[in-house]
mmCIF file of all heavy atoms, coordinates in Angstrom:
data_MODEL
# 
_entry.id   MODEL 
# 
loop_
_atom_site.group_PDB 
_atom_site.id 
_atom_site.type_symbol 
_atom_site.label_atom_id 
_atom_site.label_alt_id 
_atom_site.label_comp_id 
_atom_site.label_asym_id 
_atom_site.label_entity_id 
_atom_site.label_seq_id 
_atom_site.pdbx_PDB_ins_code 
_atom_site.Cartn_x 
_atom_site.Cartn_y 
_atom_site.Cartn_z 
_atom_site.occupancy 
_atom_site.B_iso_or_equiv 
_atom_site.pdbx_formal_charge 
_atom_site.auth_seq_id 
_atom_site.auth_comp_id 
_atom_site.auth_asym_id 
_atom_site.auth_atom_id 
_atom_site.pdbx_PDB_model_num 
ATOM 1   N N   . LEU A 1 1  ? 28.686 3.465  0.307   1.00 0.00 ? 1  LEU A N   1 
ATOM 2   C CA  . LEU A 1 1  ? 27.230 3.342  0.875   1.00 0.00 ? 1  LEU A CA  1 
ATOM 3   C C   . LEU A 1 1  ? 26.512 4.756  0.628   1.00 0.00 ? 1  LEU A C   1 
ATOM 4   O O   . LEU A 1 1  ? 25.266 4.685  0.494   1.00 0.00 ? 1  LEU A O   1 
ATOM 5   C CB  . LEU A 1 1  ? 27.324 3.073  2.366   1.00 0.00 ? 1  LEU A CB  1 
ATOM 6   C CG  . LEU A 1 1  ? 27.460 1.595  2.706   1.00 0.00 ? 1  LEU A CG  1 
ATOM 7   C CD1 . LEU A 1 1  ? 28.927 1.101  2.402   1.00 0.00 ? 1  LEU A CD1 1 
ATOM 8   C CD2 . LEU A 1 1  ? 27.196 1.363  4.205   1.00 0.00 ? 1  LEU A CD2 1 
ATOM 9   N N   . MET A 1 2  ? 27.150 5.895  0.814   1.00 0.00 ? 2  MET A N   1 
ATOM 10  C CA  . MET A 1 2  ? 26.509 7.079  0.542   1.00 0.00 ? 2  MET A CA  1 
ATOM 11  C C   . MET A 1 2  ? 26.570 7.644  -0.840  1.00 0.00 ? 2  MET A C   1 
ATOM 12  O O   . MET A 1 2  ? 27.461 7.195  -1.591  1.00 0.00 ? 2  MET A O   1 
ATOM 13  C CB  . MET A 1 2  ? 27.166 8.209  1.509   1.00 0.00 ? 2  MET A CB  1 
ATOM 14  C CG  . MET A 1 2  ? 27.206 7.802  3.085   1.00 0.00 ? 2  MET A CG  1 
ATOM 15  S SD  . MET A 1 2  ? 28.158 8.961  3.996   1.00 0.00 ? 2  MET A SD  1 
ATOM 16  C CE  . MET A 1 2  ? 27.169 10.395 3.976   1.00 0.00 ? 2  MET A CE  1 
ATOM 17  N N   . PHE A 1 3  ? 25.650 8.491  -1.118  1.00 0.00 ? 3  PHE A N   1 
ATOM 18  C CA  . PHE A 1 3  ? 25.487 9.221  -2.509  1.00 0.00 ? 3  PHE A CA  1 
ATOM 19  C C   . PHE A 1 3  ? 25.335 8.184  -3.517  1.00 0.00 ? 3  PHE A C   1 
ATOM 20  O O   . PHE A 1 3  ? 25.824 8.370  -4.673  1.00 0.00 ? 3  PHE A O   1 
ATOM 21  C CB  . PHE A 1 3  ? 26.716 9.975  -2.807  1.00 0.00 ? 3  PHE A CB  1 
ATOM 22  C CG  . PHE A 1 3  ? 26.859 11.122 -1.681  1.00 0.00 ? 3  PHE A CG  1 
ATOM 23  C CD1 . PHE A 1 3  ? 27.892 11.088 -0.832  1.00 0.00 ? 3  PHE A CD1 1 
ATOM 24  C CD2 . PHE A 1 3  ? 25.974 12.206 -1.552  1.00 0.00 ? 3  PHE A CD2 1 
ATOM 25  C CE1 . PHE A 1 3  ? 28.010 12.036 0.287   1.00 0.00 ? 3  PHE A CE1 1 
ATOM 26  C CE2 . PHE A 1 3  ? 26.153 13.132 -0.584  1.00 0.00 ? 3  PHE A CE2 1 
ATOM 27  C CZ  . PHE A 1 3  ? 27.038 13.044 0.408   1.00 0.00 ? 3  PHE A CZ  1 
ATOM 28  N N   . ASN A 1 4  ? 24.693 6.997  -3.301  1.00 0.00 ? 4  ASN A N   1 
ATOM 29  C CA  . ASN A 1 4  ? 24.380 6.079  -4.433  1.00 0.00 ? 4  ASN A CA  1 
ATOM 30  C C   . ASN A 1 4  ? 23.420 6.440  -5.364  1.00 0.00 ? 4  ASN A C   1 
ATOM 31  O O   . ASN A 1 4  ? 23.151 5.750  -6.281  1.00 0.00 ? 4  ASN A O   1 
ATOM 32  C CB  . ASN A 1 4  ? 23.985 4.767  -3.626  1.00 0.00 ? 4  ASN A CB  1 
ATOM 33  C CG  . ASN A 1 4  ? 25.084 3.965  -3.064  1.00 0.00 ? 4  ASN A CG  1 
ATOM 34  O OD1 . ASN A 1 4  ? 26.290 3.986  -3.570  1.00 0.00 ? 4  ASN A OD1 1 
ATOM 35  N ND2 . ASN A 1 4  ? 24.795 3.065  -2.046  1.00 0.00 ? 4  ASN A ND2 1 
ATOM 36  N N   . GLU A 1 5  ? 22.936 7.822  -5.279  1.00 0.00 ? 5  GLU A N   1 
ATOM 37  C CA  . GLU A 1 5  ? 21.976 8.328  -6.246  1.00 0.00 ? 5  GLU A CA  1 
ATOM 38  C C   . GLU A 1 5  ? 22.663 8.561  -7.531  1.00 0.00 ? 5  GLU A C   1 
ATOM 39  O O   . GLU A 1 5  ? 22.061 8.687  -8.618  1.00 0.00 ? 5  GLU A O   1 
ATOM 40  C CB  . GLU A 1 5  ? 21.361 9.480  -5.726  1.00 0.00 ? 5  GLU A CB  1 
ATOM 41  C CG  . GLU A 1 5  ? 20.520 9.472  -4.532  1.00 0.00 ? 5  GLU A CG  1 
ATOM 42  C CD  . GLU A 1 5  ? 21.393 9.414  -3.228  1.00 0.00 ? 5  GLU A CD  1 
ATOM 43  O OE1 . GLU A 1 5  ? 22.645 9.751  -3.319  1.00 0.00 ? 5  GLU A OE1 1 
ATOM 44  O OE2 . GLU A 1 5  ? 20.761 9.075  -2.143  1.00 0.00 ? 5  GLU A OE2 1 
ATOM 45  N N   . VAL A 1 6  ? 23.997 8.593  -7.463  1.00 0.00 ? 6  VAL A N   1 
ATOM 46  C CA  . VAL A 1 6  ? 24.734 8.899  -8.729  1.00 0.00 ? 6  VAL A CA  1 
ATOM 47  C C   . VAL A 1 6  ? 25.979 7.847  -8.833  1.00 0.00 ? 6  VAL A C   1 
ATOM 48  O O   . VAL A 1 6  ? 26.227 7.118  -7.937  1.00 0.00 ? 6  VAL A O   1 
ATOM 49  C CB  . VAL A 1 6  ? 25.536 10.318 -8.628  1.00 0.00 ? 6  VAL A CB  1 
ATOM 50  C CG1 . VAL A 1 6  ? 24.376 11.375 -8.690  1.00 0.00 ? 6  VAL A CG1 1 
ATOM 51  C CG2 . VAL A 1 6  ? 26.412 10.375 -7.474  1.00 0.00 ? 6  VAL A CG2 1 
ATOM 52  N N   . PRO A 1 7  ? 26.529 7.725  -10.057 1.00 0.00 ? 7  PRO A N   1 
ATOM 53  C CA  . PRO A 1 7  ? 27.580 6.703  -10.288 1.00 0.00 ? 7  PRO A CA  1 
ATOM 54  C C   . PRO A 1 7  ? 28.793 7.092  -9.347  1.00 0.00 ? 7  PRO A C   1 
ATOM 55  O O   . PRO A 1 7  ? 28.957 8.153  -8.978  1.00 0.00 ? 7  PRO A O   1 
ATOM 56  C CB  . PRO A 1 7  ? 27.949 6.871  -11.664 1.00 0.00 ? 7  PRO A CB  1 
ATOM 57  C CG  . PRO A 1 7  ? 26.761 7.433  -12.445 1.00 0.00 ? 7  PRO A CG  1 
ATOM 58  C CD  . PRO A 1 7  ? 26.156 8.250  -11.355 1.00 0.00 ? 7  PRO A CD  1 
ATOM 59  N N   . PHE A 1 8  ? 29.533 5.959  -9.005  1.00 0.00 ? 8  PHE A N   1 
ATOM 60  C CA  . PHE A 1 8  ? 30.574 6.156  -8.146  1.00 0.00 ? 8  PHE A CA  1 
ATOM 61  C C   . PHE A 1 8  ? 31.547 7.367  -8.322  1.00 0.00 ? 8  PHE A C   1 
ATOM 62  O O   . PHE A 1 8  ? 31.892 7.993  -7.481  1.00 0.00 ? 8  PHE A O   1 
ATOM 63  C CB  . PHE A 1 8  ? 31.525 4.830  -8.021  1.00 0.00 ? 8  PHE A CB  1 
ATOM 64  C CG  . PHE A 1 8  ? 32.665 4.923  -7.146  1.00 0.00 ? 8  PHE A CG  1 
ATOM 65  C CD1 . PHE A 1 8  ? 32.541 4.639  -5.795  1.00 0.00 ? 8  PHE A CD1 1 
ATOM 66  C CD2 . PHE A 1 8  ? 33.932 5.057  -7.616  1.00 0.00 ? 8  PHE A CD2 1 
ATOM 67  C CE1 . PHE A 1 8  ? 33.496 4.858  -4.957  1.00 0.00 ? 8  PHE A CE1 1 
ATOM 68  C CE2 . PHE A 1 8  ? 35.002 5.253  -6.746  1.00 0.00 ? 8  PHE A CE2 1 
ATOM 69  C CZ  . PHE A 1 8  ? 34.876 5.072  -5.513  1.00 0.00 ? 8  PHE A CZ  1 
ATOM 70  N N   . MET A 1 9  ? 32.003 7.572  -9.626  1.00 0.00 ? 9  MET A N   1 
ATOM 71  C CA  . MET A 1 9  ? 32.996 8.673  -9.763  1.00 0.00 ? 9  MET A CA  1 
ATOM 72  C C   . MET A 1 9  ? 32.268 9.987  -9.665  1.00 0.00 ? 9  MET A C   1 
ATOM 73  O O   . MET A 1 9  ? 32.996 11.037 -9.636  1.00 0.00 ? 9  MET A O   1 
ATOM 74  C CB  . MET A 1 9  ? 33.493 8.448  -11.291 1.00 0.00 ? 9  MET A CB  1 
ATOM 75  C CG  . MET A 1 9  ? 34.414 7.215  -11.446 1.00 0.00 ? 9  MET A CG  1 
ATOM 76  S SD  . MET A 1 9  ? 35.948 7.237  -10.220 1.00 0.00 ? 9  MET A SD  1 
ATOM 77  C CE  . MET A 1 9  ? 36.949 8.443  -11.172 1.00 0.00 ? 9  MET A CE  1 
ATOM 78  N N   . GLU A 1 10 ? 31.058 10.201 -9.575  1.00 0.00 ? 10 GLU A N   1 
ATOM 79  C CA  . GLU A 1 10 ? 30.364 11.403 -9.408  1.00 0.00 ? 10 GLU A CA  1 
ATOM 80  C C   . GLU A 1 10 ? 30.138 11.648 -7.864  1.00 0.00 ? 10 GLU A C   1 
ATOM 81  O O   . GLU A 1 10 ? 29.724 12.778 -7.498  1.00 0.00 ? 10 GLU A O   1 
ATOM 82  C CB  . GLU A 1 10 ? 28.984 11.416 -10.165 1.00 0.00 ? 10 GLU A CB  1 
ATOM 83  C CG  . GLU A 1 10 ? 29.155 11.359 -11.581 1.00 0.00 ? 10 GLU A CG  1 
ATOM 84  C CD  . GLU A 1 10 ? 27.819 11.303 -12.352 1.00 0.00 ? 10 GLU A CD  1 
ATOM 85  O OE1 . GLU A 1 10 ? 26.796 11.824 -11.782 1.00 0.00 ? 10 GLU A OE1 1 
ATOM 86  O OE2 . GLU A 1 10 ? 27.720 10.846 -13.517 1.00 0.00 ? 10 GLU A OE2 1 
ATOM 87  N N   . ARG A 1 11 ? 30.398 10.745 -7.024  1.00 0.00 ? 11 ARG A N   1 
ATOM 88  C CA  . ARG A 1 11 ? 30.047 10.757 -5.573  1.00 0.00 ? 11 ARG A CA  1 
ATOM 89  C C   . ARG A 1 11 ? 31.081 11.650 -4.910  1.00 0.00 ? 11 ARG A C   1 
ATOM 90  O O   . ARG A 1 11 ? 30.793 12.246 -3.884  1.00 0.00 ? 11 ARG A O   1 
ATOM 91  C CB  . ARG A 1 11 ? 30.024 9.478  -4.872  1.00 0.00 ? 11 ARG A CB  1 
ATOM 92  C CG  . ARG A 1 11 ? 28.976 8.532  -5.441  1.00 0.00 ? 11 ARG A CG  1 
ATOM 93  C CD  . ARG A 1 11 ? 28.902 7.139  -4.905  1.00 0.00 ? 11 ARG A CD  1 
ATOM 94  N NE  . ARG A 1 11 ? 28.110 6.262  -5.745  1.00 0.00 ? 11 ARG A NE  1 
ATOM 95  C CZ  . ARG A 1 11 ? 28.040 4.947  -5.680  1.00 0.00 ? 11 ARG A CZ  1 
ATOM 96  N NH1 . ARG A 1 11 ? 28.812 4.285  -4.734  1.00 0.00 ? 11 ARG A NH1 1 
ATOM 97  N NH2 . ARG A 1 11 ? 27.297 4.272  -6.411  1.00 0.00 ? 11 ARG A NH2 1 
ATOM 98  N N   . PHE A 1 12 ? 32.250 11.984 -5.403  1.00 0.00 ? 12 PHE A N   1 
ATOM 99  C CA  . PHE A 1 12 ? 33.327 12.757 -4.866  1.00 0.00 ? 12 PHE A CA  1 
ATOM 100 C C   . PHE A 1 12 ? 32.768 14.128 -4.982  1.00 0.00 ? 12 PHE A C   1 
ATOM 101 O O   . PHE A 1 12 ? 32.860 14.939 -3.954  1.00 0.00 ? 12 PHE A O   1 
ATOM 102 C CB  . PHE A 1 12 ? 34.569 12.677 -5.637  1.00 0.00 ? 12 PHE A CB  1 
ATOM 103 C CG  . PHE A 1 12 ? 35.272 11.275 -5.489  1.00 0.00 ? 12 PHE A CG  1 
ATOM 104 C CD1 . PHE A 1 12 ? 34.855 10.361 -6.494  1.00 0.00 ? 12 PHE A CD1 1 
ATOM 105 C CD2 . PHE A 1 12 ? 36.115 11.002 -4.619  1.00 0.00 ? 12 PHE A CD2 1 
ATOM 106 C CE1 . PHE A 1 12 ? 35.533 9.062  -6.434  1.00 0.00 ? 12 PHE A CE1 1 
ATOM 107 C CE2 . PHE A 1 12 ? 36.724 9.741  -4.548  1.00 0.00 ? 12 PHE A CE2 1 
ATOM 108 C CZ  . PHE A 1 12 ? 36.375 8.791  -5.383  1.00 0.00 ? 12 PHE A CZ  1 
ATOM 109 N N   . ALA A 1 13 ? 32.097 14.569 -6.000  1.00 0.00 ? 13 ALA A N   1 
ATOM 110 C CA  . ALA A 1 13 ? 31.596 15.865 -6.155  1.00 0.00 ? 13 ALA A CA  1 
ATOM 111 C C   . ALA A 1 13 ? 30.446 16.091 -5.144  1.00 0.00 ? 13 ALA A C   1 
ATOM 112 O O   . ALA A 1 13 ? 30.271 17.126 -4.438  1.00 0.00 ? 13 ALA A O   1 
ATOM 113 C CB  . ALA A 1 13 ? 31.080 16.220 -7.584  1.00 0.00 ? 13 ALA A CB  1 
ATOM 114 N N   . SER A 1 14 ? 29.644 15.073 -4.982  1.00 0.00 ? 14 SER A N   1 
ATOM 115 C CA  . SER A 1 14 ? 28.471 15.201 -4.116  1.00 0.00 ? 14 SER A CA  1 
ATOM 116 C C   . SER A 1 14 ? 28.926 15.352 -2.612  1.00 0.00 ? 14 SER A C   1 
ATOM 117 O O   . SER A 1 14 ? 28.420 16.062 -1.819  1.00 0.00 ? 14 SER A O   1 
ATOM 118 C CB  . SER A 1 14 ? 27.607 13.895 -4.258  1.00 0.00 ? 14 SER A CB  1 
ATOM 119 O OG  . SER A 1 14 ? 27.084 13.792 -5.636  1.00 0.00 ? 14 SER A OG  1 
ATOM 120 N N   . ALA A 1 15 ? 30.001 14.538 -2.280  1.00 0.00 ? 15 ALA A N   1 
ATOM 121 C CA  . ALA A 1 15 ? 30.524 14.571 -0.859  1.00 0.00 ? 15 ALA A CA  1 
ATOM 122 C C   . ALA A 1 15 ? 31.005 16.035 -0.611  1.00 0.00 ? 15 ALA A C   1 
ATOM 123 O O   . ALA A 1 15 ? 30.721 16.598 0.411   1.00 0.00 ? 15 ALA A O   1 
ATOM 124 C CB  . ALA A 1 15 ? 31.555 13.528 -0.670  1.00 0.00 ? 15 ALA A CB  1 
ATOM 125 N N   . ALA A 1 16 ? 31.818 16.508 -1.520  1.00 0.00 ? 16 ALA A N   1 
ATOM 126 C CA  . ALA A 1 16 ? 32.278 17.859 -1.420  1.00 0.00 ? 16 ALA A CA  1 
ATOM 127 C C   . ALA A 1 16 ? 31.362 18.922 -1.279  1.00 0.00 ? 16 ALA A C   1 
ATOM 128 O O   . ALA A 1 16 ? 31.241 19.818 -0.536  1.00 0.00 ? 16 ALA A O   1 
ATOM 129 C CB  . ALA A 1 16 ? 33.331 18.145 -2.590  1.00 0.00 ? 16 ALA A CB  1 
ATOM 130 N N   . GLU A 1 17 ? 30.292 18.768 -2.196  1.00 0.00 ? 17 GLU A N   1 
ATOM 131 C CA  . GLU A 1 17 ? 29.167 19.806 -2.009  1.00 0.00 ? 17 GLU A CA  1 
ATOM 132 C C   . GLU A 1 17 ? 28.474 19.785 -0.735  1.00 0.00 ? 17 GLU A C   1 
ATOM 133 O O   . GLU A 1 17 ? 27.893 20.796 -0.374  1.00 0.00 ? 17 GLU A O   1 
ATOM 134 C CB  . GLU A 1 17 ? 28.128 19.511 -3.204  1.00 0.00 ? 17 GLU A CB  1 
ATOM 135 C CG  . GLU A 1 17 ? 28.713 19.748 -4.634  1.00 0.00 ? 17 GLU A CG  1 
ATOM 136 C CD  . GLU A 1 17 ? 27.900 19.220 -5.745  1.00 0.00 ? 17 GLU A CD  1 
ATOM 137 O OE1 . GLU A 1 17 ? 26.873 18.657 -5.309  1.00 0.00 ? 17 GLU A OE1 1 
ATOM 138 O OE2 . GLU A 1 17 ? 28.230 19.310 -6.841  1.00 0.00 ? 17 GLU A OE2 1 
ATOM 139 N N   . GLN A 1 18 ? 28.334 18.636 -0.070  1.00 0.00 ? 18 GLN A N   1 
ATOM 140 C CA  . GLN A 1 18 ? 27.710 18.591 1.130   1.00 0.00 ? 18 GLN A CA  1 
ATOM 141 C C   . GLN A 1 18 ? 28.639 18.954 2.472   1.00 0.00 ? 18 GLN A C   1 
ATOM 142 O O   . GLN A 1 18 ? 28.184 18.837 3.502   1.00 0.00 ? 18 GLN A O   1 
ATOM 143 C CB  . GLN A 1 18 ? 27.103 17.152 1.393   1.00 0.00 ? 18 GLN A CB  1 
ATOM 144 C CG  . GLN A 1 18 ? 26.053 16.862 0.419   1.00 0.00 ? 18 GLN A CG  1 
ATOM 145 C CD  . GLN A 1 18 ? 24.781 17.855 0.556   1.00 0.00 ? 18 GLN A CD  1 
ATOM 146 O OE1 . GLN A 1 18 ? 24.498 18.262 1.747   1.00 0.00 ? 18 GLN A OE1 1 
ATOM 147 N NE2 . GLN A 1 18 ? 24.064 17.984 -0.451  1.00 0.00 ? 18 GLN A NE2 1 
ATOM 148 N N   . GLY A 1 19 ? 29.878 19.338 2.066   1.00 0.00 ? 19 GLY A N   1 
ATOM 149 C CA  . GLY A 1 19 ? 30.778 19.762 3.144   1.00 0.00 ? 19 GLY A CA  1 
ATOM 150 C C   . GLY A 1 19 ? 31.739 18.814 3.588   1.00 0.00 ? 19 GLY A C   1 
ATOM 151 O O   . GLY A 1 19 ? 32.489 19.109 4.677   1.00 0.00 ? 19 GLY A O   1 
ATOM 152 N N   . PHE A 1 20 ? 31.782 17.627 3.101   1.00 0.00 ? 20 PHE A N   1 
ATOM 153 C CA  . PHE A 1 20 ? 32.829 16.591 3.624   1.00 0.00 ? 20 PHE A CA  1 
ATOM 154 C C   . PHE A 1 20 ? 34.167 17.020 2.961   1.00 0.00 ? 20 PHE A C   1 
ATOM 155 O O   . PHE A 1 20 ? 34.344 17.481 1.896   1.00 0.00 ? 20 PHE A O   1 
ATOM 156 C CB  . PHE A 1 20 ? 32.503 15.209 3.123   1.00 0.00 ? 20 PHE A CB  1 
ATOM 157 C CG  . PHE A 1 20 ? 31.318 14.611 3.841   1.00 0.00 ? 20 PHE A CG  1 
ATOM 158 C CD1 . PHE A 1 20 ? 30.030 14.775 3.298   1.00 0.00 ? 20 PHE A CD1 1 
ATOM 159 C CD2 . PHE A 1 20 ? 31.358 14.129 5.076   1.00 0.00 ? 20 PHE A CD2 1 
ATOM 160 C CE1 . PHE A 1 20 ? 28.899 14.240 4.004   1.00 0.00 ? 20 PHE A CE1 1 
ATOM 161 C CE2 . PHE A 1 20 ? 30.328 13.539 5.809   1.00 0.00 ? 20 PHE A CE2 1 
ATOM 162 C CZ  . PHE A 1 20 ? 29.051 13.530 5.323   1.00 0.00 ? 20 PHE A CZ  1 
ATOM 163 N N   . ARG A 1 21 ? 35.294 16.778 3.761   1.00 0.00 ? 21 ARG A N   1 
ATOM 164 C CA  . ARG A 1 21 ? 36.673 17.052 3.320   1.00 0.00 ? 21 ARG A CA  1 
ATOM 165 C C   . ARG A 1 21 ? 37.439 15.702 3.091   1.00 0.00 ? 21 ARG A C   1 
ATOM 166 O O   . ARG A 1 21 ? 38.560 15.796 2.628   1.00 0.00 ? 21 ARG A O   1 
ATOM 167 C CB  . ARG A 1 21 ? 37.273 18.010 4.349   1.00 0.00 ? 21 ARG A CB  1 
ATOM 168 C CG  . ARG A 1 21 ? 36.599 19.337 4.521   1.00 0.00 ? 21 ARG A CG  1 
ATOM 169 C CD  . ARG A 1 21 ? 37.030 20.450 3.728   1.00 0.00 ? 21 ARG A CD  1 
ATOM 170 N NE  . ARG A 1 21 ? 37.306 20.205 2.394   1.00 0.00 ? 21 ARG A NE  1 
ATOM 171 C CZ  . ARG A 1 21 ? 36.412 20.402 1.334   1.00 0.00 ? 21 ARG A CZ  1 
ATOM 172 N NH1 . ARG A 1 21 ? 35.171 20.929 1.689   1.00 0.00 ? 21 ARG A NH1 1 
ATOM 173 N NH2 . ARG A 1 21 ? 36.816 20.367 0.160   1.00 0.00 ? 21 ARG A NH2 1 
ATOM 174 N N   . GLY A 1 22 ? 36.749 14.633 3.621   1.00 0.00 ? 22 GLY A N   1 
ATOM 175 C CA  . GLY A 1 22 ? 37.466 13.317 3.465   1.00 0.00 ? 22 GLY A CA  1 
ATOM 176 C C   . GLY A 1 22 ? 36.522 12.282 2.899   1.00 0.00 ? 22 GLY A C   1 
ATOM 177 O O   . GLY A 1 22 ? 35.231 12.394 3.109   1.00 0.00 ? 22 GLY A O   1 
ATOM 178 N N   . VAL A 1 23 ? 36.993 11.271 2.367   1.00 0.00 ? 23 VAL A N   1 
ATOM 179 C CA  . VAL A 1 23 ? 36.278 10.198 1.732   1.00 0.00 ? 23 VAL A CA  1 
ATOM 180 C C   . VAL A 1 23 ? 36.952 8.915  2.000   1.00 0.00 ? 23 VAL A C   1 
ATOM 181 O O   . VAL A 1 23 ? 38.088 8.749  2.253   1.00 0.00 ? 23 VAL A O   1 
ATOM 182 C CB  . VAL A 1 23 ? 35.842 10.285 0.269   1.00 0.00 ? 23 VAL A CB  1 
ATOM 183 C CG1 . VAL A 1 23 ? 35.039 11.565 -0.034  1.00 0.00 ? 23 VAL A CG1 1 
ATOM 184 C CG2 . VAL A 1 23 ? 37.233 10.285 -0.478  1.00 0.00 ? 23 VAL A CG2 1 
ATOM 185 N N   . GLU A 1 24 ? 36.036 7.841  2.186   1.00 0.00 ? 24 GLU A N   1 
ATOM 186 C CA  . GLU A 1 24 ? 36.525 6.477  2.258   1.00 0.00 ? 24 GLU A CA  1 
ATOM 187 C C   . GLU A 1 24 ? 35.560 5.604  1.449   1.00 0.00 ? 24 GLU A C   1 
ATOM 188 O O   . GLU A 1 24 ? 34.480 6.151  1.014   1.00 0.00 ? 24 GLU A O   1 
ATOM 189 C CB  . GLU A 1 24 ? 36.567 5.988  3.728   1.00 0.00 ? 24 GLU A CB  1 
ATOM 190 C CG  . GLU A 1 24 ? 35.223 6.014  4.411   1.00 0.00 ? 24 GLU A CG  1 
ATOM 191 C CD  . GLU A 1 24 ? 35.140 5.348  5.782   1.00 0.00 ? 24 GLU A CD  1 
ATOM 192 O OE1 . GLU A 1 24 ? 36.092 5.586  6.464   1.00 0.00 ? 24 GLU A OE1 1 
ATOM 193 O OE2 . GLU A 1 24 ? 34.193 4.689  6.194   1.00 0.00 ? 24 GLU A OE2 1 
ATOM 194 N N   . TYR A 1 25 ? 35.925 4.362  1.226   1.00 0.00 ? 25 TYR A N   1 
ATOM 195 C CA  . TYR A 1 25 ? 35.054 3.443  0.505   1.00 0.00 ? 25 TYR A CA  1 
ATOM 196 C C   . TYR A 1 25 ? 35.551 2.033  0.757   1.00 0.00 ? 25 TYR A C   1 
ATOM 197 O O   . TYR A 1 25 ? 36.666 1.841  1.181   1.00 0.00 ? 25 TYR A O   1 
ATOM 198 C CB  . TYR A 1 25 ? 34.800 3.801  -0.895  1.00 0.00 ? 25 TYR A CB  1 
ATOM 199 C CG  . TYR A 1 25 ? 36.076 4.340  -1.669  1.00 0.00 ? 25 TYR A CG  1 
ATOM 200 C CD1 . TYR A 1 25 ? 37.108 3.497  -1.920  1.00 0.00 ? 25 TYR A CD1 1 
ATOM 201 C CD2 . TYR A 1 25 ? 36.243 5.604  -1.973  1.00 0.00 ? 25 TYR A CD2 1 
ATOM 202 C CE1 . TYR A 1 25 ? 38.292 3.864  -2.471  1.00 0.00 ? 25 TYR A CE1 1 
ATOM 203 C CE2 . TYR A 1 25 ? 37.397 6.183  -2.589  1.00 0.00 ? 25 TYR A CE2 1 
ATOM 204 C CZ  . TYR A 1 25 ? 38.450 5.285  -2.898  1.00 0.00 ? 25 TYR A CZ  1 
ATOM 205 O OH  . TYR A 1 25 ? 39.608 5.795  -3.465  1.00 0.00 ? 25 TYR A OH  1 
ATOM 206 N N   . LEU A 1 26 ? 34.739 1.020  0.269   1.00 0.00 ? 26 LEU A N   1 
ATOM 207 C CA  . LEU A 1 26 ? 35.353 -0.304 0.479   1.00 0.00 ? 26 LEU A CA  1 
ATOM 208 C C   . LEU A 1 26 ? 36.433 -0.603 -0.459  1.00 0.00 ? 26 LEU A C   1 
ATOM 209 O O   . LEU A 1 26 ? 37.521 -0.981 0.064   1.00 0.00 ? 26 LEU A O   1 
ATOM 210 C CB  . LEU A 1 26 ? 34.111 -1.295 0.206   1.00 0.00 ? 26 LEU A CB  1 
ATOM 211 C CG  . LEU A 1 26 ? 32.967 -1.293 1.188   1.00 0.00 ? 26 LEU A CG  1 
ATOM 212 C CD1 . LEU A 1 26 ? 31.818 -2.217 0.744   1.00 0.00 ? 26 LEU A CD1 1 
ATOM 213 C CD2 . LEU A 1 26 ? 33.395 -1.390 2.587   1.00 0.00 ? 26 LEU A CD2 1 
ATOM 214 N N   . PHE A 1 27 ? 36.222 -0.534 -1.778  1.00 0.00 ? 27 PHE A N   1 
ATOM 215 C CA  . PHE A 1 27 ? 37.234 -0.924 -2.696  1.00 0.00 ? 27 PHE A CA  1 
ATOM 216 C C   . PHE A 1 27 ? 37.322 0.030  -3.988  1.00 0.00 ? 27 PHE A C   1 
ATOM 217 O O   . PHE A 1 27 ? 36.290 0.449  -4.483  1.00 0.00 ? 27 PHE A O   1 
ATOM 218 C CB  . PHE A 1 27 ? 37.016 -2.282 -3.293  1.00 0.00 ? 27 PHE A CB  1 
ATOM 219 C CG  . PHE A 1 27 ? 36.528 -3.270 -2.145  1.00 0.00 ? 27 PHE A CG  1 
ATOM 220 C CD1 . PHE A 1 27 ? 35.372 -3.765 -2.016  1.00 0.00 ? 27 PHE A CD1 1 
ATOM 221 C CD2 . PHE A 1 27 ? 37.587 -3.834 -1.361  1.00 0.00 ? 27 PHE A CD2 1 
ATOM 222 C CE1 . PHE A 1 27 ? 34.998 -4.661 -1.000  1.00 0.00 ? 27 PHE A CE1 1 
ATOM 223 C CE2 . PHE A 1 27 ? 37.337 -4.737 -0.235  1.00 0.00 ? 27 PHE A CE2 1 
ATOM 224 C CZ  . PHE A 1 27 ? 36.002 -5.105 -0.132  1.00 0.00 ? 27 PHE A CZ  1 
# 
């Protein structure tokens, strides 16, 4: 749901840049 501005495999970098240390997703 978050960071949909970029393709899925690029969202890990976006999450880390914003300070998240964990991720989840549907599938």
